[in-house]
N, C-alpha and C. Protein backbone atom coordinates (compact mmCIF):
# COMPACT_ATOMS: atom_id res chain seq x y z
N MET A 1 74.12 -61.98 -261.23
CA MET A 1 74.09 -63.46 -261.20
C MET A 1 75.10 -64.01 -262.21
N TYR A 2 76.21 -64.45 -261.70
CA TYR A 2 77.24 -65.01 -262.58
C TYR A 2 77.21 -66.54 -262.51
N GLN A 3 76.99 -67.15 -263.68
CA GLN A 3 76.95 -68.62 -263.73
C GLN A 3 78.17 -69.13 -264.49
N PRO A 4 79.10 -69.79 -263.79
CA PRO A 4 80.33 -70.25 -264.42
C PRO A 4 80.09 -71.31 -265.49
N ASN A 5 78.97 -72.02 -265.40
CA ASN A 5 78.73 -73.09 -266.38
C ASN A 5 77.74 -72.65 -267.46
N SER A 6 77.53 -71.33 -267.58
CA SER A 6 76.59 -70.84 -268.59
C SER A 6 77.11 -71.12 -269.99
N ALA A 7 78.39 -70.88 -270.22
CA ALA A 7 78.97 -71.11 -271.54
C ALA A 7 78.92 -72.59 -271.89
N GLN A 8 79.19 -73.44 -270.91
CA GLN A 8 79.14 -74.87 -271.17
C GLN A 8 77.73 -75.30 -271.55
N MET A 9 76.73 -74.76 -270.88
CA MET A 9 75.34 -75.10 -271.19
C MET A 9 74.99 -74.65 -272.60
N ASP A 10 75.40 -73.43 -272.97
CA ASP A 10 75.12 -72.93 -274.31
C ASP A 10 75.78 -73.83 -275.36
N LEU A 11 77.02 -74.23 -275.10
CA LEU A 11 77.73 -75.08 -276.04
C LEU A 11 77.04 -76.44 -276.15
N LEU A 12 76.58 -76.98 -275.02
CA LEU A 12 75.90 -78.27 -275.03
C LEU A 12 74.61 -78.19 -275.84
N VAL A 13 73.85 -77.13 -275.62
CA VAL A 13 72.60 -76.96 -276.37
C VAL A 13 72.89 -76.81 -277.86
N LEU A 14 73.92 -76.06 -278.18
CA LEU A 14 74.28 -75.88 -279.59
C LEU A 14 74.65 -77.21 -280.23
N ILE A 15 75.44 -78.02 -279.54
CA ILE A 15 75.84 -79.33 -280.06
C ILE A 15 74.61 -80.22 -280.24
N LEU A 16 73.69 -80.19 -279.28
CA LEU A 16 72.48 -81.00 -279.40
C LEU A 16 71.65 -80.57 -280.60
N LEU A 17 71.54 -79.27 -280.82
CA LEU A 17 70.78 -78.78 -281.97
C LEU A 17 71.44 -79.21 -283.28
N VAL A 18 72.76 -79.14 -283.33
CA VAL A 18 73.48 -79.56 -284.54
C VAL A 18 73.28 -81.05 -284.79
N LEU A 19 73.37 -81.85 -283.73
CA LEU A 19 73.17 -83.29 -283.89
C LEU A 19 71.76 -83.59 -284.37
N LEU A 20 70.78 -82.86 -283.85
CA LEU A 20 69.40 -83.05 -284.28
C LEU A 20 69.26 -82.70 -285.76
N ARG A 21 69.89 -81.63 -286.19
CA ARG A 21 69.84 -81.23 -287.59
C ARG A 21 70.47 -82.30 -288.48
N VAL A 22 71.64 -82.80 -288.07
CA VAL A 22 72.32 -83.84 -288.84
C VAL A 22 71.46 -85.09 -288.92
N TYR A 23 70.82 -85.44 -287.80
CA TYR A 23 69.96 -86.63 -287.76
C TYR A 23 68.79 -86.46 -288.73
N GLN A 24 68.13 -85.30 -288.70
CA GLN A 24 67.02 -85.05 -289.61
C GLN A 24 67.49 -85.08 -291.05
N TRP A 25 68.67 -84.51 -291.32
CA TRP A 25 69.21 -84.48 -292.68
C TRP A 25 69.50 -85.90 -293.17
N LEU A 26 70.06 -86.73 -292.28
CA LEU A 26 70.34 -88.12 -292.66
C LEU A 26 69.05 -88.86 -292.95
N LEU A 27 68.02 -88.65 -292.16
CA LEU A 27 66.73 -89.29 -292.42
C LEU A 27 66.19 -88.85 -293.78
N PHE A 28 66.33 -87.57 -294.09
CA PHE A 28 65.83 -87.04 -295.35
C PHE A 28 66.62 -87.61 -296.53
N VAL A 29 67.94 -87.71 -296.36
CA VAL A 29 68.80 -88.18 -297.46
C VAL A 29 68.61 -89.68 -297.71
N THR A 30 68.41 -90.44 -296.64
CA THR A 30 68.33 -91.90 -296.81
C THR A 30 66.94 -92.37 -297.22
N GLN A 31 66.03 -91.44 -297.44
CA GLN A 31 64.71 -91.86 -297.94
C GLN A 31 64.85 -92.34 -299.39
N PRO A 32 64.12 -93.37 -299.76
CA PRO A 32 64.18 -93.89 -301.13
C PRO A 32 63.62 -92.90 -302.15
């Protein structure tokens, strides 16, 4: 089973995880 868009999906998931981490970090940093 060869999926040509497998790499794109992995990259998209990785980017979403990084964005989520950055978002959580910003929430943590901007707390008073």
